[in-house]
Amino acid sequence: MEKTKDLYSKYYYIIVVKMVYFTEIKPTDHYLAEHKKDVPWYKVVEIIFSTKNPRKREDKFEIEKDGYYILFEIKDNVLFVINAKKVK
């Protein structure tokens, strides 16, 4: 029984750590001032919703997909887009 409990705990930990939960997506002032012209908001949202496992970098997350790079953080269940660039 103890092995099953340990296995369940490890499985639960993997699922919870890999998931990113948020209830809203908002742009930061930095994104609006510096990156909105390069990567439109609809494209940022599309990439975020089509990515299953963003990479964790310290307290932020990053996505590299389809020639784009997106950096965001989650605070109080709100996803804040910090940076969005086209990757060359």
N, C-alpha and C. Protein backbone atom coordinates (compact mmCIF):
# COMPACT_ATOMS: atom_id res chain seq x y z
N MET A 1 0.82 -1.21 0.00
CA MET A 1 0.00 0.00 0.00
C MET A 1 0.86 1.26 0.00
N GLU A 2 1.96 1.25 0.72
CA GLU A 2 2.83 2.42 0.83
C GLU A 2 3.43 2.80 -0.53
N LYS A 3 3.82 1.80 -1.32
CA LYS A 3 4.38 2.08 -2.64
C LYS A 3 3.33 2.75 -3.53
N THR A 4 2.11 2.31 -3.47
CA THR A 4 1.03 2.90 -4.27
C THR A 4 0.81 4.36 -3.86
N LYS A 5 0.84 4.63 -2.59
CA LYS A 5 0.66 5.99 -2.10
C LYS A 5 1.80 6.89 -2.59
N ASP A 6 3.04 6.39 -2.51
CA ASP A 6 4.18 7.17 -2.99
C ASP A 6 4.07 7.43 -4.49
N LEU A 7 3.67 6.41 -5.24
CA LEU A 7 3.52 6.56 -6.68
C LEU A 7 2.45 7.59 -7.00
N TYR A 8 1.33 7.52 -6.29
CA TYR A 8 0.25 8.49 -6.49
C TYR A 8 0.74 9.90 -6.18
N SER A 9 1.47 10.07 -5.09
CA SER A 9 1.98 11.39 -4.71
C SER A 9 2.90 11.95 -5.78
N LYS A 10 3.79 11.12 -6.29
CA LYS A 10 4.71 11.57 -7.34
C LYS A 10 3.94 11.92 -8.60
N TYR A 11 2.96 11.10 -8.98
CA TYR A 11 2.14 11.35 -10.16
C TYR A 11 1.38 12.67 -10.01
N TYR A 12 0.78 12.89 -8.86
CA TYR A 12 0.05 14.12 -8.59
C TYR A 12 0.98 15.32 -8.69
N TYR A 13 2.16 15.22 -8.12
CA TYR A 13 3.14 16.31 -8.15
C TYR A 13 3.51 16.65 -9.60
N ILE A 14 3.73 15.66 -10.41
CA ILE A 14 4.10 15.90 -11.82
C ILE A 14 2.98 16.64 -12.54
N ILE A 15 1.75 16.23 -12.36
CA ILE A 15 0.63 16.87 -13.03
C ILE A 15 0.47 18.31 -12.57
N VAL A 16 0.52 18.56 -11.28
CA VAL A 16 0.32 19.91 -10.76
C VAL A 16 1.44 20.84 -11.19
N VAL A 17 2.67 20.37 -11.16
CA VAL A 17 3.80 21.23 -11.52
C VAL A 17 3.80 21.57 -13.01
N LYS A 18 3.38 20.66 -13.86
CA LYS A 18 3.41 20.88 -15.30
C LYS A 18 2.29 21.79 -15.79
N MET A 19 1.23 21.91 -15.06
CA MET A 19 0.09 22.71 -15.49
C MET A 19 0.28 24.18 -15.11
N VAL A 20 -0.27 25.05 -15.93
CA VAL A 20 -0.23 26.48 -15.65
C VAL A 20 -1.68 26.95 -15.59
N TYR A 21 -2.08 27.45 -14.43
CA TYR A 21 -3.47 27.87 -14.24
C TYR A 21 -3.58 29.39 -14.22
N PHE A 22 -4.58 29.91 -14.95
CA PHE A 22 -4.86 31.34 -14.93
C PHE A 22 -6.31 31.55 -15.33
N THR A 23 -6.86 32.67 -14.90
CA THR A 23 -8.25 32.97 -15.22
C THR A 23 -8.38 34.16 -16.17
N GLU A 24 -7.30 34.92 -16.33
CA GLU A 24 -7.29 36.08 -17.24
C GLU A 24 -5.93 36.19 -17.90
N ILE A 25 -5.90 36.85 -19.04
CA ILE A 25 -4.64 37.20 -19.71
C ILE A 25 -4.65 38.70 -19.90
N LYS A 26 -3.56 39.34 -19.45
CA LYS A 26 -3.45 40.79 -19.61
C LYS A 26 -2.06 41.16 -20.11
N PRO A 27 -1.97 42.19 -20.93
CA PRO A 27 -0.65 42.67 -21.34
C PRO A 27 -0.07 43.59 -20.27
N THR A 28 1.25 43.57 -20.13
CA THR A 28 1.90 44.53 -19.24
C THR A 28 2.10 45.84 -20.02
N ASP A 29 2.41 46.89 -19.30
CA ASP A 29 2.71 48.16 -19.96
C ASP A 29 3.92 48.02 -20.88
N HIS A 30 4.88 47.20 -20.47
CA HIS A 30 6.08 46.98 -21.30
C HIS A 30 5.70 46.34 -22.64
N TYR A 31 4.85 45.32 -22.61
CA TYR A 31 4.41 44.70 -23.86
C TYR A 31 3.71 45.73 -24.75
N LEU A 32 2.81 46.50 -24.17
CA LEU A 32 2.06 47.48 -24.96
C LEU A 32 2.97 48.53 -25.58
N ALA A 33 3.98 48.97 -24.84
CA ALA A 33 4.87 50.02 -25.33
C ALA A 33 5.92 49.50 -26.31
N GLU A 34 6.45 48.30 -26.06
CA GLU A 34 7.61 47.84 -26.83
C GLU A 34 7.34 46.70 -27.82
N HIS A 35 6.34 45.89 -27.58
CA HIS A 35 6.22 44.66 -28.36
C HIS A 35 4.91 44.50 -29.13
N LYS A 36 3.93 45.30 -28.84
CA LYS A 36 2.63 45.17 -29.50
C LYS A 36 2.73 45.35 -31.01
N LYS A 37 3.61 46.22 -31.44
CA LYS A 37 3.75 46.48 -32.88
C LYS A 37 4.39 45.30 -33.62
N ASP A 38 5.22 44.51 -32.92
CA ASP A 38 5.89 43.36 -33.55
C ASP A 38 5.04 42.10 -33.54
N VAL A 39 4.35 41.87 -32.43
CA VAL A 39 3.52 40.67 -32.29
C VAL A 39 2.15 41.10 -31.79
N PRO A 40 1.14 41.03 -32.63
CA PRO A 40 -0.20 41.48 -32.23
C PRO A 40 -0.79 40.60 -31.12
N TRP A 41 -1.68 41.21 -30.36
CA TRP A 41 -2.25 40.56 -29.19
C TRP A 41 -2.94 39.23 -29.53
N TYR A 42 -3.67 39.18 -30.64
CA TYR A 42 -4.36 37.94 -31.00
C TYR A 42 -3.37 36.79 -31.20
N LYS A 43 -2.19 37.09 -31.74
CA LYS A 43 -1.17 36.06 -31.97
C LYS A 43 -0.59 35.57 -30.65
N VAL A 44 -0.37 36.48 -29.71
CA VAL A 44 0.13 36.13 -28.38
C VAL A 44 -0.85 35.17 -27.70
N VAL A 45 -2.12 35.51 -27.71
CA VAL A 45 -3.14 34.68 -27.07
C VAL A 45 -3.22 33.31 -27.75
N GLU A 46 -3.18 33.29 -29.06
CA GLU A 46 -3.22 32.03 -29.82
C GLU A 46 -2.06 31.12 -29.43
N ILE A 47 -0.86 31.65 -29.34
CA ILE A 47 0.32 30.86 -28.98
C ILE A 47 0.21 30.34 -27.55
N ILE A 48 -0.23 31.18 -26.64
CA ILE A 48 -0.36 30.74 -25.24
C ILE A 48 -1.36 29.60 -25.13
N PHE A 49 -2.51 29.71 -25.76
CA PHE A 49 -3.53 28.68 -25.65
C PHE A 49 -3.18 27.41 -26.42
N SER A 50 -2.29 27.49 -27.39
CA SER A 50 -1.93 26.29 -28.16
C SER A 50 -0.67 25.62 -27.64
N THR A 51 -0.11 26.10 -26.55
CA THR A 51 1.10 25.52 -25.97
C THR A 51 0.75 24.77 -24.70
N LYS A 52 1.15 23.50 -24.64
CA LYS A 52 0.81 22.67 -23.50
C LYS A 52 1.77 22.84 -22.33
N ASN A 53 3.05 22.94 -22.59
CA ASN A 53 4.04 22.99 -21.51
C ASN A 53 5.04 24.11 -21.72
N PRO A 54 4.73 25.31 -21.28
CA PRO A 54 5.73 26.38 -21.38
C PRO A 54 6.91 26.08 -20.45
N ARG A 55 8.09 26.58 -20.82
CA ARG A 55 9.27 26.39 -19.98
C ARG A 55 9.25 27.36 -18.81
N LYS A 56 9.61 26.87 -17.66
CA LYS A 56 9.69 27.73 -16.47
C LYS A 56 11.10 28.28 -16.38
N ARG A 57 11.19 29.59 -16.21
CA ARG A 57 12.48 30.27 -16.06
C ARG A 57 12.38 31.15 -14.82
N GLU A 58 12.94 30.66 -13.73
CA GLU A 58 12.83 31.31 -12.42
C GLU A 58 11.35 31.44 -12.06
N ASP A 59 10.83 32.65 -11.91
CA ASP A 59 9.42 32.82 -11.56
C ASP A 59 8.56 33.18 -12.77
N LYS A 60 9.12 33.05 -13.96
CA LYS A 60 8.40 33.38 -15.19
C LYS A 60 8.35 32.16 -16.09
N PHE A 61 7.60 32.26 -17.17
CA PHE A 61 7.47 31.18 -18.14
C PHE A 61 7.80 31.73 -19.52
N GLU A 62 8.32 30.85 -20.39
CA GLU A 62 8.62 31.26 -21.76
C GLU A 62 8.16 30.21 -22.74
N ILE A 63 7.80 30.70 -23.92
CA ILE A 63 7.35 29.84 -25.02
C ILE A 63 8.12 30.26 -26.26
N GLU A 64 8.67 29.29 -26.97
CA GLU A 64 9.23 29.52 -28.30
C GLU A 64 8.47 28.61 -29.24
N LYS A 65 7.72 29.23 -30.15
CA LYS A 65 6.86 28.44 -31.03
C LYS A 65 6.58 29.22 -32.32
N ASP A 66 6.63 28.52 -33.43
CA ASP A 66 6.27 29.08 -34.74
C ASP A 66 6.98 30.39 -35.04
N GLY A 67 8.23 30.51 -34.62
CA GLY A 67 9.01 31.71 -34.89
C GLY A 67 8.73 32.87 -33.94
N TYR A 68 8.10 32.60 -32.81
CA TYR A 68 7.80 33.63 -31.82
C TYR A 68 8.36 33.24 -30.47
N TYR A 69 8.68 34.24 -29.68
CA TYR A 69 9.13 34.05 -28.30
C TYR A 69 8.20 34.87 -27.40
N ILE A 70 7.66 34.23 -26.37
CA ILE A 70 6.75 34.92 -25.45
C ILE A 70 7.22 34.67 -24.03
N LEU A 71 7.29 35.73 -23.25
CA LEU A 71 7.66 35.66 -21.83
C LEU A 71 6.48 36.17 -21.02
N PHE A 72 6.08 35.39 -20.01
CA PHE A 72 4.95 35.81 -19.18
C PHE A 72 5.14 35.33 -17.75
N GLU A 73 4.34 35.91 -16.87
CA GLU A 73 4.33 35.49 -15.47
C GLU A 73 2.88 35.39 -15.02
N ILE A 74 2.67 34.63 -13.97
CA ILE A 74 1.33 34.47 -13.42
C ILE A 74 1.33 34.94 -11.98
N LYS A 75 0.44 35.89 -11.70
CA LYS A 75 0.27 36.42 -10.35
C LYS A 75 -1.21 36.47 -10.04
N ASP A 76 -1.60 35.88 -8.93
CA ASP A 76 -3.00 35.86 -8.50
C ASP A 76 -3.93 35.36 -9.60
N ASN A 77 -3.52 34.28 -10.25
CA ASN A 77 -4.29 33.62 -11.32
C ASN A 77 -4.49 34.49 -12.56
N VAL A 78 -3.69 35.52 -12.73
CA VAL A 78 -3.73 36.35 -13.93
C VAL A 78 -2.40 36.18 -14.66
N LEU A 79 -2.47 35.86 -15.94
CA LEU A 79 -1.28 35.72 -16.77
C LEU A 79 -0.96 37.09 -17.36
N PHE A 80 0.23 37.59 -17.07
CA PHE A 80 0.69 38.88 -17.59
C PHE A 80 1.75 38.65 -18.65
N VAL A 81 1.49 39.10 -19.86
CA VAL A 81 2.45 38.98 -20.96
C VAL A 81 3.45 40.11 -20.84
N ILE A 82 4.71 39.76 -20.71
CA ILE A 82 5.78 40.75 -20.52
C ILE A 82 6.44 41.08 -21.84
N ASN A 83 6.72 40.03 -22.63
CA ASN A 83 7.54 40.21 -23.81
C ASN A 83 7.01 39.30 -24.91
N ALA A 84 7.02 39.77 -26.13
CA ALA A 84 6.66 38.95 -27.30
C ALA A 84 7.47 39.44 -28.49
N LYS A 85 8.24 38.51 -29.07
CA LYS A 85 9.12 38.87 -30.18
C LYS A 85 9.05 37.83 -31.28
N LYS A 86 9.39 38.25 -32.47
CA LYS A 86 9.60 37.30 -33.55
C LYS A 86 11.06 36.83 -33.45
N VAL A 87 11.24 35.51 -33.53
CA VAL A 87 12.58 34.93 -33.44
C VAL A 87 13.13 34.82 -34.84
N LYS A 88 14.36 35.24 -35.00
CA LYS A 88 14.97 35.22 -36.34
C LYS A 88 15.80 34.01 -36.55
